[in-house]
């Protein structure tokens, strides 16, 4: 699976596996969205021991798209504010059904916007 296939997988699947840093044994399933062919994720729980805070200390990690695992670098996007509305809309569009609707409206709130990360697939 190449990067385009990974982007397609993320666009068409609600939960994507993520492993932050190199010490975590298991993948955690989280929401991710694709905007301008870039992968973004926002922290929901805001906990100190979260994937987000782990990436702040060690930007290396992995995402799992089906059976394929990709090495990634997690970065705070310099253009987060510029892309904020597009990322918000991507969350609202992708996660707009059933019980997800309540959470999609939550994840576009400021406290979550501030914890947006870009996940860059390493070649």
PDB file of N, CA and C in Angstrom:
ATOM      1  N   UNK A   1       0.857  -1.177   0.000  1.00  0.00           N
ATOM      2  CA  UNK A   1       0.000   0.000   0.000  1.00  0.00           C
ATOM      3  C   UNK A   1       0.905   1.243   0.000  1.00  0.00           C
ATOM      4  N   UNK A   2       0.654   2.153  -0.936  1.00  0.00           N
ATOM      5  CA  UNK A   2       1.440   3.374  -0.988  1.00  0.00           C
ATOM      6  C   UNK A   2       0.712   4.502  -0.261  1.00  0.00           C
ATOM      7  N   UNK A   3       1.295   5.700  -0.286  1.00  0.00           N
ATOM      8  CA  UNK A   3       0.697   6.828   0.438  1.00  0.00           C
ATOM      9  C   UNK A   3      -0.719   7.131  -0.056  1.00  0.00           C
ATOM     10  N   UNK A   4      -0.950   7.096  -1.372  1.00  0.00           N
ATOM     11  CA  UNK A   4      -2.290   7.365  -1.895  1.00  0.00           C
ATOM     12  C   UNK A   4      -3.309   6.357  -1.374  1.00  0.00           C
ATOM     13  N   UNK A   5      -2.898   5.104  -1.270  1.00  0.00           N
ATOM     14  CA  UNK A   5      -3.790   4.078  -0.734  1.00  0.00           C
ATOM     15  C   UNK A   5      -4.048   4.307   0.753  1.00  0.00           C
ATOM     16  N   UNK A   6      -3.032   4.773   1.465  1.00  0.00           N
ATOM     17  CA  UNK A   6      -3.220   5.097   2.881  1.00  0.00           C
ATOM     18  C   UNK A   6      -4.203   6.258   3.029  1.00  0.00           C
ATOM     19  N   UNK A   7      -4.069   7.285   2.210  1.00  0.00           N
ATOM     20  CA  UNK A   7      -4.997   8.413   2.267  1.00  0.00           C
ATOM     21  C   UNK A   7      -6.420   7.949   1.972  1.00  0.00           C
ATOM     22  N   UNK A   8      -6.573   7.082   0.977  1.00  0.00           N
ATOM     23  CA  UNK A   8      -7.891   6.549   0.651  1.00  0.00           C
ATOM     24  C   UNK A   8      -8.455   5.753   1.836  1.00  0.00           C
ATOM     25  N   UNK A   9      -7.632   4.944   2.459  1.00  0.00           N
ATOM     26  CA  UNK A   9      -8.067   4.154   3.607  1.00  0.00           C
ATOM     27  C   UNK A   9      -8.564   5.076   4.723  1.00  0.00           C
ATOM     28  N   UNK A  10      -7.804   6.120   5.003  1.00  0.00           N
ATOM     29  CA  UNK A  10      -8.186   7.054   6.071  1.00  0.00           C
ATOM     30  C   UNK A  10      -9.474   7.780   5.716  1.00  0.00           C
ATOM     31  N   UNK A  11      -9.629   8.140   4.461  1.00  0.00           N
ATOM     32  CA  UNK A  11     -10.853   8.831   4.027  1.00  0.00           C
ATOM     33  C   UNK A  11     -12.084   7.937   4.160  1.00  0.00           C
ATOM     34  N   UNK A  12     -11.911   6.632   4.012  1.00  0.00           N
ATOM     35  CA  UNK A  12     -13.062   5.724   3.945  1.00  0.00           C
ATOM     36  C   UNK A  12     -13.255   4.855   5.183  1.00  0.00           C
ATOM     37  N   UNK A  13     -12.451   5.055   6.216  1.00  0.00           N
ATOM     38  CA  UNK A  13     -12.590   4.298   7.462  1.00  0.00           C
ATOM     39  C   UNK A  13     -12.636   5.262   8.639  1.00  0.00           C
ATOM     40  N   UNK A  14     -13.532   5.003   9.565  1.00  0.00           N
ATOM     41  CA  UNK A  14     -13.714   5.915  10.693  1.00  0.00           C
ATOM     42  C   UNK A  14     -12.628   5.811  11.751  1.00  0.00           C
ATOM     43  N   UNK A  15     -12.141   4.628  12.030  1.00  0.00           N
ATOM     44  CA  UNK A  15     -11.144   4.445  13.067  1.00  0.00           C
ATOM     45  C   UNK A  15      -9.842   3.952  12.456  1.00  0.00           C
ATOM     46  N   UNK A  16      -8.773   4.665  12.789  1.00  0.00           N
ATOM     47  CA  UNK A  16      -7.450   4.346  12.262  1.00  0.00           C
ATOM     48  C   UNK A  16      -6.538   4.088  13.458  1.00  0.00           C
ATOM     49  N   UNK A  17      -5.726   3.052  13.361  1.00  0.00           N
ATOM     50  CA  UNK A  17      -4.797   2.738  14.439  1.00  0.00           C
ATOM     51  C   UNK A  17      -3.639   3.710  14.484  1.00  0.00           C
ATOM     52  N   UNK A  18      -3.257   4.100  15.697  1.00  0.00           N
ATOM     53  CA  UNK A  18      -2.102   4.980  15.889  1.00  0.00           C
ATOM     54  C   UNK A  18      -1.296   4.457  17.064  1.00  0.00           C
ATOM     55  N   UNK A  19       0.006   4.563  16.938  1.00  0.00           N
ATOM     56  CA  UNK A  19       0.907   4.212  18.029  1.00  0.00           C
ATOM     57  C   UNK A  19       1.918   5.347  18.126  1.00  0.00           C
ATOM     58  N   UNK A  20       1.889   6.058  19.239  1.00  0.00           N
ATOM     59  CA  UNK A  20       2.762   7.215  19.433  1.00  0.00           C
ATOM     60  C   UNK A  20       4.047   6.789  20.118  1.00  0.00           C
ATOM     61  N   UNK A  21       5.155   7.317  19.634  1.00  0.00           N
ATOM     62  CA  UNK A  21       6.442   6.980  20.221  1.00  0.00           C
ATOM     63  C   UNK A  21       6.814   5.540  19.918  1.00  0.00           C
ATOM     64  N   UNK A  22       7.797   5.055  20.647  1.00  0.00           N
ATOM     65  CA  UNK A  22       8.282   3.699  20.396  1.00  0.00           C
ATOM     66  C   UNK A  22       8.035   2.763  21.574  1.00  0.00           C
ATOM     67  N   UNK A  23       7.474   3.282  22.667  1.00  0.00           N
ATOM     68  CA  UNK A  23       7.296   2.477  23.877  1.00  0.00           C
ATOM     69  C   UNK A  23       5.923   1.834  24.011  1.00  0.00           C
ATOM     70  N   UNK A  24       4.931   2.316  23.287  1.00  0.00           N
ATOM     71  CA  UNK A  24       3.579   1.789  23.442  1.00  0.00           C
ATOM     72  C   UNK A  24       3.449   0.438  22.733  1.00  0.00           C
ATOM     73  N   UNK A  25       2.850  -0.540  23.409  1.00  0.00           N
ATOM     74  CA  UNK A  25       2.764  -1.873  22.802  1.00  0.00           C
ATOM     75  C   UNK A  25       1.628  -2.026  21.793  1.00  0.00           C
ATOM     76  N   UNK A  26       0.553  -1.252  21.943  1.00  0.00           N
ATOM     77  CA  UNK A  26      -0.643  -1.480  21.135  1.00  0.00           C
ATOM     78  C   UNK A  26      -1.056  -0.239  20.358  1.00  0.00           C
ATOM     79  N   UNK A  27      -1.802  -0.484  19.296  1.00  0.00           N
ATOM     80  CA  UNK A  27      -2.397   0.604  18.537  1.00  0.00           C
ATOM     81  C   UNK A  27      -3.682   1.051  19.225  1.00  0.00           C
ATOM     82  N   UNK A  28      -3.906   2.347  19.222  1.00  0.00           N
ATOM     83  CA  UNK A  28      -5.137   2.952  19.703  1.00  0.00           C
ATOM     84  C   UNK A  28      -5.903   3.405  18.472  1.00  0.00           C
ATOM     85  N   UNK A  29      -7.197   3.163  18.433  1.00  0.00           N
ATOM     86  CA  UNK A  29      -7.989   3.594  17.282  1.00  0.00           C
ATOM     87  C   UNK A  29      -8.540   4.988  17.532  1.00  0.00           C
ATOM     88  N   UNK A  30      -8.238   5.911  16.609  1.00  0.00           N
ATOM     89  CA  UNK A  30      -8.683   7.290  16.736  1.00  0.00           C
ATOM     90  C   UNK A  30      -9.253   7.768  15.414  1.00  0.00           C
ATOM     91  N   UNK A  31      -9.860   8.945  15.457  1.00  0.00           N
ATOM     92  CA  UNK A  31     -10.356   9.600  14.248  1.00  0.00           C
ATOM     93  C   UNK A  31      -9.219  10.336  13.560  1.00  0.00           C
ATOM     94  N   UNK A  32      -9.180  10.238  12.252  1.00  0.00           N
ATOM     95  CA  UNK A  32      -8.247  11.004  11.430  1.00  0.00           C
ATOM     96  C   UNK A  32      -9.003  11.517  10.223  1.00  0.00           C
ATOM     97  N   UNK A  33      -8.562  12.654   9.712  1.00  0.00           N
ATOM     98  CA  UNK A  33      -9.144  13.204   8.500  1.00  0.00           C
ATOM     99  C   UNK A  33      -8.031  13.563   7.524  1.00  0.00           C
ATOM    100  N   UNK A  34      -8.410  13.656   6.252  1.00  0.00           N
ATOM    101  CA  UNK A  34      -7.475  14.045   5.201  1.00  0.00           C
ATOM    102  C   UNK A  34      -7.940  15.387   4.644  1.00  0.00           C
ATOM    103  N   UNK A  35      -7.028  16.341   4.621  1.00  0.00           N
ATOM    104  CA  UNK A  35      -7.273  17.665   4.050  1.00  0.00           C
ATOM    105  C   UNK A  35      -6.067  18.012   3.191  1.00  0.00           C
ATOM    106  N   UNK A  36      -6.324  18.343   1.935  1.00  0.00           N
ATOM    107  CA  UNK A  36      -5.248  18.698   0.989  1.00  0.00           C
ATOM    108  C   UNK A  36      -4.188  17.591   0.923  1.00  0.00           C
ATOM    109  N   UNK A  37      -4.643  16.355   0.916  1.00  0.00           N
ATOM    110  CA  UNK A  37      -3.762  15.178   0.870  1.00  0.00           C
ATOM    111  C   UNK A  37      -2.786  15.121   2.040  1.00  0.00           C
ATOM    112  N   UNK A  38      -3.202  15.669   3.164  1.00  0.00           N
ATOM    113  CA  UNK A  38      -2.436  15.613   4.409  1.00  0.00           C
ATOM    114  C   UNK A  38      -3.327  14.989   5.480  1.00  0.00           C
ATOM    115  N   UNK A  39      -2.702  14.267   6.413  1.00  0.00           N
ATOM    116  CA  UNK A  39      -3.427  13.547   7.457  1.00  0.00           C
ATOM    117  C   UNK A  39      -3.380  14.361   8.752  1.00  0.00           C
ATOM    118  N   UNK A  40      -4.570  14.539   9.357  1.00  0.00           N
ATOM    119  CA  UNK A  40      -4.661  15.276  10.614  1.00  0.00           C
ATOM    120  C   UNK A  40      -5.431  14.465  11.650  1.00  0.00           C
ATOM    121  N   UNK A  41      -5.043  14.663  12.900  1.00  0.00           N
ATOM    122  CA  UNK A  41      -5.743  14.054  14.025  1.00  0.00           C
ATOM    123  C   UNK A  41      -5.776  15.064  15.156  1.00  0.00           C
ATOM    124  N   UNK A  42      -6.827  14.981  15.943  1.00  0.00           N
ATOM    125  CA  UNK A  42      -6.975  15.845  17.109  1.00  0.00           C
ATOM    126  C   UNK A  42      -7.166  14.985  18.348  1.00  0.00           C
ATOM    127  N   UNK A  43      -6.568  15.432  19.427  1.00  0.00           N
ATOM    128  CA  UNK A  43      -6.717  14.724  20.693  1.00  0.00           C
ATOM    129  C   UNK A  43      -8.105  14.978  21.255  1.00  0.00           C
ATOM    130  N   UNK A  44      -8.772  13.919  21.650  1.00  0.00           N
ATOM    131  CA  UNK A  44     -10.092  14.050  22.268  1.00  0.00           C
ATOM    132  C   UNK A  44      -9.977  14.134  23.789  1.00  0.00           C
ATOM    133  N   UNK A  45      -9.238  13.213  24.369  1.00  0.00           N
ATOM    134  CA  UNK A  45      -9.199  13.097  25.825  1.00  0.00           C
ATOM    135  C   UNK A  45      -8.360  14.139  26.534  1.00  0.00           C
ATOM    136  N   UNK A  46      -7.387  14.708  25.864  1.00  0.00           N
ATOM    137  CA  UNK A  46      -6.539  15.770  26.403  1.00  0.00           C
ATOM    138  C   UNK A  46      -5.696  15.324  27.602  1.00  0.00           C
ATOM    139  N   UNK A  47      -5.566  14.035  27.821  1.00  0.00           N
ATOM    140  CA  UNK A  47      -4.827  13.518  28.979  1.00  0.00           C
ATOM    141  C   UNK A  47      -3.322  13.671  28.774  1.00  0.00           C
ATOM    142  N   UNK A  48      -2.614  13.793  29.884  1.00  0.00           N
ATOM    143  CA  UNK A  48      -1.153  13.914  29.833  1.00  0.00           C
ATOM    144  C   UNK A  48      -0.481  12.668  29.246  1.00  0.00           C
ATOM    145  N   UNK A  49      -1.077  11.503  29.426  1.00  0.00           N
ATOM    146  CA  UNK A  49      -0.492  10.261  28.910  1.00  0.00           C
ATOM    147  C   UNK A  49      -1.127   9.862  27.575  1.00  0.00           C
ATOM    148  N   UNK A  50      -1.545  10.820  26.811  1.00  0.00           N
ATOM    149  CA  UNK A  50      -2.211  10.556  25.538  1.00  0.00           C
ATOM    150  C   UNK A  50      -1.206  10.389  24.404  1.00  0.00           C
ATOM    151  N   UNK A  51      -1.703   9.927  23.273  1.00  0.00           N
ATOM    152  CA  UNK A  51      -0.867   9.834  22.074  1.00  0.00           C
ATOM    153  C   UNK A  51      -0.336  11.220  21.716  1.00  0.00           C
ATOM    154  N   UNK A  52      -1.143  12.258  21.892  1.00  0.00           N
ATOM    155  CA  UNK A  52      -0.747  13.616  21.540  1.00  0.00           C
ATOM    156  C   UNK A  52       0.487  14.053  22.342  1.00  0.00           C
ATOM    157  N   UNK A  53       0.422  13.897  23.654  1.00  0.00           N
ATOM    158  CA  UNK A  53       1.541  14.317  24.504  1.00  0.00           C
ATOM    159  C   UNK A  53       2.772  13.441  24.278  1.00  0.00           C
ATOM    160  N   UNK A  54       2.560  12.176  23.967  1.00  0.00           N
ATOM    161  CA  UNK A  54       3.697  11.313  23.640  1.00  0.00           C
ATOM    162  C   UNK A  54       4.402  11.820  22.394  1.00  0.00           C
ATOM    163  N   UNK A  55       3.631  12.211  21.388  1.00  0.00           N
ATOM    164  CA  UNK A  55       4.234  12.749  20.161  1.00  0.00           C
ATOM    165  C   UNK A  55       4.965  14.068  20.403  1.00  0.00           C
ATOM    166  N   UNK A  56       4.544  14.844  21.365  1.00  0.00           N
ATOM    167  CA  UNK A  56       5.271  16.087  21.675  1.00  0.00           C
ATOM    168  C   UNK A  56       6.679  15.790  22.165  1.00  0.00           C
ATOM    169  N   UNK A  57       6.846  14.646  22.818  1.00  0.00           N
ATOM    170  CA  UNK A  57       8.158  14.250  23.342  1.00  0.00           C
ATOM    171  C   UNK A  57       8.970  13.454  22.327  1.00  0.00           C
ATOM    172  N   UNK A  58       8.286  12.667  21.501  1.00  0.00           N
ATOM    173  CA  UNK A  58       8.929  11.813  20.495  1.00  0.00           C
ATOM    174  C   UNK A  58       8.022  11.789  19.278  1.00  0.00           C
ATOM    175  N   UNK A  59       8.433  12.425  18.208  1.00  0.00           N
ATOM    176  CA  UNK A  59       7.563  12.586  17.038  1.00  0.00           C
ATOM    177  C   UNK A  59       7.440  11.331  16.188  1.00  0.00           C
ATOM    178  N   UNK A  60       8.163  10.288  16.525  1.00  0.00           N
ATOM    179  CA  UNK A  60       8.111   9.047  15.758  1.00  0.00           C
ATOM    180  C   UNK A  60       6.944   8.183  16.208  1.00  0.00           C
ATOM    181  N   UNK A  61       6.329   7.516  15.236  1.00  0.00           N
ATOM    182  CA  UNK A  61       5.238   6.618  15.572  1.00  0.00           C
ATOM    183  C   UNK A  61       4.767   5.861  14.349  1.00  0.00           C
ATOM    184  N   UNK A  62       3.550   5.335  14.440  1.00  0.00           N
ATOM    185  CA  UNK A  62       3.007   4.483  13.389  1.00  0.00           C
ATOM    186  C   UNK A  62       1.512   4.724  13.252  1.00  0.00           C
ATOM    187  N   UNK A  63       1.013   4.545  12.036  1.00  0.00           N
ATOM    188  CA  UNK A  63      -0.420   4.420  11.830  1.00  0.00           C
ATOM    189  C   UNK A  63      -0.667   3.088  11.142  1.00  0.00           C
ATOM    190  N   UNK A  64      -1.835   2.536  11.411  1.00  0.00           N
ATOM    191  CA  UNK A  64      -2.205   1.241  10.849  1.00  0.00           C
ATOM    192  C   UNK A  64      -3.440   1.418   9.979  1.00  0.00           C
ATOM    193  N   UNK A  65      -3.266   1.126   8.697  1.00  0.00           N
ATOM    194  CA  UNK A  65      -4.360   1.200   7.725  1.00  0.00           C
ATOM    195  C   UNK A  65      -4.652  -0.232   7.275  1.00  0.00           C
ATOM    196  N   UNK A  66      -5.655  -0.838   7.891  1.00  0.00           N
ATOM    197  CA  UNK A  66      -5.916  -2.245   7.618  1.00  0.00           C
ATOM    198  C   UNK A  66      -4.764  -3.063   8.156  1.00  0.00           C
ATOM    199  N   UNK A  67      -4.156  -3.857   7.298  1.00  0.00           N
ATOM    200  CA  UNK A  67      -3.039  -4.691   7.735  1.00  0.00           C
ATOM    201  C   UNK A  67      -1.675  -4.037   7.488  1.00  0.00           C
ATOM    202  N   UNK A  68      -1.678  -2.840   6.927  1.00  0.00           N
ATOM    203  CA  UNK A  68      -0.427  -2.142   6.604  1.00  0.00           C
ATOM    204  C   UNK A  68      -0.098  -1.138   7.702  1.00  0.00           C
ATOM    205  N   UNK A  69       1.152  -1.158   8.140  1.00  0.00           N
ATOM    206  CA  UNK A  69       1.640  -0.229   9.160  1.00  0.00           C
ATOM    207  C   UNK A  69       2.633   0.719   8.511  1.00  0.00           C
ATOM    208  N   UNK A  70       2.428   2.008   8.752  1.00  0.00           N
ATOM    209  CA  UNK A  70       3.292   3.052   8.196  1.00  0.00           C
ATOM    210  C   UNK A  70       4.050   3.746   9.317  1.00  0.00           C
ATOM    211  N   UNK A  71       5.336   4.008   9.072  1.00  0.00           N
ATOM    212  CA  UNK A  71       6.104   4.869   9.960  1.00  0.00           C
ATOM    213  C   UNK A  71       5.655   6.300   9.706  1.00  0.00           C
ATOM    214  N   UNK A  72       5.487   7.051  10.785  1.00  0.00           N
ATOM    215  CA  UNK A  72       5.067   8.440  10.638  1.00  0.00           C
ATOM    216  C   UNK A  72       5.910   9.354  11.520  1.00  0.00           C
ATOM    217  N   UNK A  73       5.862  10.625  11.184  1.00  0.00           N
ATOM    218  CA  UNK A  73       6.342  11.707  12.038  1.00  0.00           C
ATOM    219  C   UNK A  73       5.121  12.544  12.360  1.00  0.00           C
ATOM    220  N   UNK A  74       4.952  12.886  13.616  1.00  0.00           N
ATOM    221  CA  UNK A  74       3.840  13.731  14.031  1.00  0.00           C
ATOM    222  C   UNK A  74       4.373  15.129  14.303  1.00  0.00           C
ATOM    223  N   UNK A  75       3.731  16.117  13.705  1.00  0.00           N
ATOM    224  CA  UNK A  75       4.166  17.500  13.870  1.00  0.00           C
ATOM    225  C   UNK A  75       2.962  18.391  14.140  1.00  0.00           C
ATOM    226  N   UNK A  76       3.217  19.493  14.827  1.00  0.00           N
ATOM    227  CA  UNK A  76       2.202  20.532  14.956  1.00  0.00           C
ATOM    228  C   UNK A  76       2.268  21.320  13.648  1.00  0.00           C
ATOM    229  N   UNK A  77       1.181  21.344  12.885  1.00  0.00           N
ATOM    230  CA  UNK A  77       1.244  22.030  11.582  1.00  0.00           C
ATOM    231  C   UNK A  77       1.378  23.545  11.749  1.00  0.00           C
ATOM    232  N   UNK A  78       2.334  24.117  11.027  1.00  0.00           N
ATOM    233  CA  UNK A  78       2.535  25.564  11.077  1.00  0.00           C
ATOM    234  C   UNK A  78       1.310  26.312  10.568  1.00  0.00           C
ATOM    235  N   UNK A  79       0.565  25.692   9.675  1.00  0.00           N
ATOM    236  CA  UNK A  79      -0.592  26.342   9.068  1.00  0.00           C
ATOM    237  C   UNK A  79      -1.914  25.854   9.676  1.00  0.00           C
ATOM    238  N   UNK A  80      -1.879  25.432  10.937  1.00  0.00           N
ATOM    239  CA  UNK A  80      -3.081  24.922  11.607  1.00  0.00           C
ATOM    240  C   UNK A  80      -4.227  25.927  11.547  1.00  0.00           C
ATOM    241  N   UNK A  81      -3.965  27.185  11.837  1.00  0.00           N
ATOM    242  CA  UNK A  81      -5.030  28.202  11.830  1.00  0.00           C
ATOM    243  C   UNK A  81      -5.570  28.419  10.423  1.00  0.00           C
ATOM    244  N   UNK A  82      -4.695  28.397   9.437  1.00  0.00           N
ATOM    245  CA  UNK A  82      -5.118  28.574   8.046  1.00  0.00           C
ATOM    246  C   UNK A  82      -6.022  27.421   7.598  1.00  0.00           C
ATOM    247  N   UNK A  83      -5.719  26.210   8.060  1.00  0.00           N
ATOM    248  CA  UNK A  83      -6.469  25.017   7.647  1.00  0.00           C
ATOM    249  C   UNK A  83      -7.615  24.670   8.600  1.00  0.00           C
ATOM    250  N   UNK A  84      -7.747  25.409   9.686  1.00  0.00           N
ATOM    251  CA  UNK A  84      -8.697  25.057  10.741  1.00  0.00           C
ATOM    252  C   UNK A  84     -10.104  24.792  10.216  1.00  0.00           C
ATOM    253  N   UNK A  85     -10.634  25.675   9.398  1.00  0.00           N
ATOM    254  CA  UNK A  85     -12.005  25.495   8.907  1.00  0.00           C
ATOM    255  C   UNK A  85     -12.122  24.264   8.018  1.00  0.00           C
ATOM    256  N   UNK A  86     -11.114  24.006   7.187  1.00  0.00           N
ATOM    257  CA  UNK A  86     -11.144  22.814   6.332  1.00  0.00           C
ATOM    258  C   UNK A  86     -11.065  21.541   7.168  1.00  0.00           C
ATOM    259  N   UNK A  87     -10.223  21.559   8.191  1.00  0.00           N
ATOM    260  CA  UNK A  87     -10.115  20.389   9.069  1.00  0.00           C
ATOM    261  C   UNK A  87     -11.415  20.206   9.844  1.00  0.00           C
ATOM    262  N   UNK A  88     -11.970  21.297  10.367  1.00  0.00           N
ATOM    263  CA  UNK A  88     -13.258  21.208  11.066  1.00  0.00           C
ATOM    264  C   UNK A  88     -14.322  20.603  10.160  1.00  0.00           C
ATOM    265  N   UNK A  89     -14.397  21.097   8.928  1.00  0.00           N
ATOM    266  CA  UNK A  89     -15.413  20.604   7.998  1.00  0.00           C
ATOM    267  C   UNK A  89     -15.184  19.133   7.662  1.00  0.00           C
ATOM    268  N   UNK A  90     -13.921  18.735   7.552  1.00  0.00           N
ATOM    269  CA  UNK A  90     -13.612  17.329   7.276  1.00  0.00           C
ATOM    270  C   UNK A  90     -14.132  16.440   8.409  1.00  0.00           C
ATOM    271  N   UNK A  91     -13.947  16.865   9.661  1.00  0.00           N
ATOM    272  CA  UNK A  91     -14.478  16.101  10.792  1.00  0.00           C
ATOM    273  C   UNK A  91     -16.002  16.055  10.758  1.00  0.00           C
ATOM    274  N   UNK A  92     -16.626  17.208  10.519  1.00  0.00           N
ATOM    275  CA  UNK A  92     -18.093  17.266  10.512  1.00  0.00           C
ATOM    276  C   UNK A  92     -18.690  16.431   9.383  1.00  0.00           C
ATOM    277  N   UNK A  93     -18.010  16.384   8.246  1.00  0.00           N
ATOM    278  CA  UNK A  93     -18.493  15.621   7.100  1.00  0.00           C
ATOM    279  C   UNK A  93     -18.288  14.119   7.303  1.00  0.00           C
ATOM    280  N   UNK A  94     -17.099  13.748   7.740  1.00  0.00           N
ATOM    281  CA  UNK A  94     -16.768  12.327   7.858  1.00  0.00           C
ATOM    282  C   UNK A  94     -17.511  11.653   9.011  1.00  0.00           C
ATOM    283  N   UNK A  95     -17.647  12.345  10.120  1.00  0.00           N
ATOM    284  CA  UNK A  95     -18.210  11.743  11.329  1.00  0.00           C
ATOM    285  C   UNK A  95     -19.580  12.357  11.641  1.00  0.00           C
ATOM    286  N   UNK A  96     -20.494  12.290  10.671  1.00  0.00           N
ATOM    287  CA  UNK A  96     -21.765  12.999  10.777  1.00  0.00           C
ATOM    288  C   UNK A  96     -22.970  12.098  11.036  1.00  0.00           C
ATOM    289  N   UNK A  97     -22.736  10.848  11.444  1.00  0.00           N
ATOM    290  CA  UNK A  97     -23.873   9.948  11.623  1.00  0.00           C
ATOM    291  C   UNK A  97     -23.938   9.404  13.047  1.00  0.00           C
ATOM    292  N   UNK A  98     -25.136   9.087  13.460  1.00  0.00           N
ATOM    293  CA  UNK A  98     -25.363   8.409  14.732  1.00  0.00           C
ATOM    294  C   UNK A  98     -24.715   9.095  15.911  1.00  0.00           C
ATOM    295  N   UNK A  99     -24.129   8.270  16.779  1.00  0.00           N
ATOM    296  CA  UNK A  99     -23.511   8.811  17.995  1.00  0.00           C
ATOM    297  C   UNK A  99     -22.266   9.638  17.704  1.00  0.00           C
ATOM    298  N   UNK A 100     -21.685   9.495  16.508  1.00  0.00           N
ATOM    299  CA  UNK A 100     -20.498  10.286  16.153  1.00  0.00           C
ATOM    300  C   UNK A 100     -20.802  11.771  16.037  1.00  0.00           C
ATOM    301  N   UNK A 101     -22.025  12.112  15.660  1.00  0.00           N
ATOM    302  CA  UNK A 101     -22.383  13.515  15.404  1.00  0.00           C
ATOM    303  C   UNK A 101     -22.055  14.404  16.606  1.00  0.00           C
ATOM    304  N   UNK A 102     -22.395  13.954  17.790  1.00  0.00           N
ATOM    305  CA  UNK A 102     -22.135  14.741  19.010  1.00  0.00           C
ATOM    306  C   UNK A 102     -20.628  14.981  19.188  1.00  0.00           C
ATOM    307  N   UNK A 103     -19.829  13.952  18.938  1.00  0.00           N
ATOM    308  CA  UNK A 103     -18.392  14.069  19.120  1.00  0.00           C
ATOM    309  C   UNK A 103     -17.740  14.892  18.007  1.00  0.00           C
ATOM    310  N   UNK A 104     -18.294  14.814  16.799  1.00  0.00           N
ATOM    311  CA  UNK A 104     -17.722  15.618  15.707  1.00  0.00           C
ATOM    312  C   UNK A 104     -17.926  17.105  15.987  1.00  0.00           C
ATOM    313  N   UNK A 105     -19.030  17.457  16.620  1.00  0.00           N
ATOM    314  CA  UNK A 105     -19.251  18.862  16.991  1.00  0.00           C
ATOM    315  C   UNK A 105     -18.338  19.257  18.153  1.00  0.00           C
ATOM    316  N   UNK A 106     -17.992  18.298  18.981  1.00  0.00           N
ATOM    317  CA  UNK A 106     -17.080  18.568  20.089  1.00  0.00           C
ATOM    318  C   UNK A 106     -15.647  18.750  19.646  1.00  0.00           C
ATOM    319  N   UNK A 107     -15.217  17.947  18.687  1.00  0.00           N
ATOM    320  CA  UNK A 107     -13.804  17.962  18.297  1.00  0.00           C
ATOM    321  C   UNK A 107     -13.418  19.198  17.476  1.00  0.00           C
ATOM    322  N   UNK A 108     -14.417  20.002  17.111  1.00  0.00           N
ATOM    323  CA  UNK A 108     -14.106  21.254  16.408  1.00  0.00           C
ATOM    324  C   UNK A 108     -14.098  22.444  17.375  1.00  0.00           C
ATOM    325  N   UNK A 109     -14.165  22.154  18.665  1.00  0.00           N
ATOM    326  CA  UNK A 109     -14.065  23.213  19.668  1.00  0.00           C
ATOM    327  C   UNK A 109     -12.598  23.576  19.887  1.00  0.00           C
ATOM    328  N   UNK A 110     -12.361  24.787  20.378  1.00  0.00           N
ATOM    329  CA  UNK A 110     -11.015  25.347  20.495  1.00  0.00           C
ATOM    330  C   UNK A 110     -10.030  24.446  21.235  1.00  0.00           C
ATOM    331  N   UNK A 111     -10.461  23.845  22.351  1.00  0.00           N
ATOM    332  CA  UNK A 111      -9.520  23.028  23.130  1.00  0.00           C
ATOM    333  C   UNK A 111      -8.994  21.840  22.331  1.00  0.00           C
ATOM    334  N   UNK A 112      -9.765  21.370  21.359  1.00  0.00           N
ATOM    335  CA  UNK A 112      -9.309  20.274  20.511  1.00  0.00           C
ATOM    336  C   UNK A 112      -8.542  20.805  19.293  1.00  0.00           C
ATOM    337  N   UNK A 113      -8.978  21.931  18.759  1.00  0.00           N
ATOM    338  CA  UNK A 113      -8.268  22.553  17.640  1.00  0.00           C
ATOM    339  C   UNK A 113      -6.816  22.825  18.032  1.00  0.00           C
ATOM    340  N   UNK A 114      -6.617  23.266  19.266  1.00  0.00           N
ATOM    341  CA  UNK A 114      -5.262  23.538  19.772  1.00  0.00           C
ATOM    342  C   UNK A 114      -4.403  22.280  19.818  1.00  0.00           C
ATOM    343  N   UNK A 115      -5.020  21.122  19.781  1.00  0.00           N
ATOM    344  CA  UNK A 115      -4.280  19.852  19.844  1.00  0.00           C
ATOM    345  C   UNK A 115      -4.418  19.083  18.532  1.00  0.00           C
ATOM    346  N   UNK A 116      -4.227  19.816  17.449  1.00  0.00           N
ATOM    347  CA  UNK A 116      -4.226  19.213  16.115  1.00  0.00           C
ATOM    348  C   UNK A 116      -2.802  18.819  15.765  1.00  0.00           C
ATOM    349  N   UNK A 117      -2.652  17.618  15.254  1.00  0.00           N
ATOM    350  CA  UNK A 117      -1.349  17.150  14.768  1.00  0.00           C
ATOM    351  C   UNK A 117      -1.481  16.712  13.336  1.00  0.00           C
ATOM    352  N   UNK A 118      -0.419  16.922  12.593  1.00  0.00           N
ATOM    353  CA  UNK A 118      -0.309  16.377  11.257  1.00  0.00           C
ATOM    354  C   UNK A 118       0.540  15.122  11.351  1.00  0.00           C
ATOM    355  N   UNK A 119       0.089  14.075  10.678  1.00  0.00           N
ATOM    356  CA  UNK A 119       0.795  12.789  10.676  1.00  0.00           C
ATOM    357  C   UNK A 119       1.376  12.590   9.286  1.00  0.00           C
ATOM    358  N   UNK A 120       2.675  12.606   9.199  1.00  0.00           N
ATOM    359  CA  UNK A 120       3.371  12.547   7.922  1.00  0.00           C
ATOM    360  C   UNK A 120       3.940  11.146   7.727  1.00  0.00           C
ATOM    361  N   UNK A 121       3.522  10.495   6.658  1.00  0.00           N
ATOM    362  CA  UNK A 121       4.038   9.161   6.358  1.00  0.00           C
ATOM    363  C   UNK A 121       5.477   9.288   5.872  1.00  0.00           C
ATOM    364  N   UNK A 122       6.352   8.525   6.497  1.00  0.00           N
ATOM    365  CA  UNK A 122       7.782   8.537   6.133  1.00  0.00           C
ATOM    366  C   UNK A 122       8.002   7.585   4.968  1.00  0.00           C
ATOM    367  N   UNK A 123       8.782   8.016   4.020  1.00  0.00           N
ATOM    368  CA  UNK A 123       9.087   7.171   2.852  1.00  0.00           C
ATOM    369  C   UNK A 123      10.108   6.117   3.182  1.00  0.00           C
TER     370      UNK A 123
END
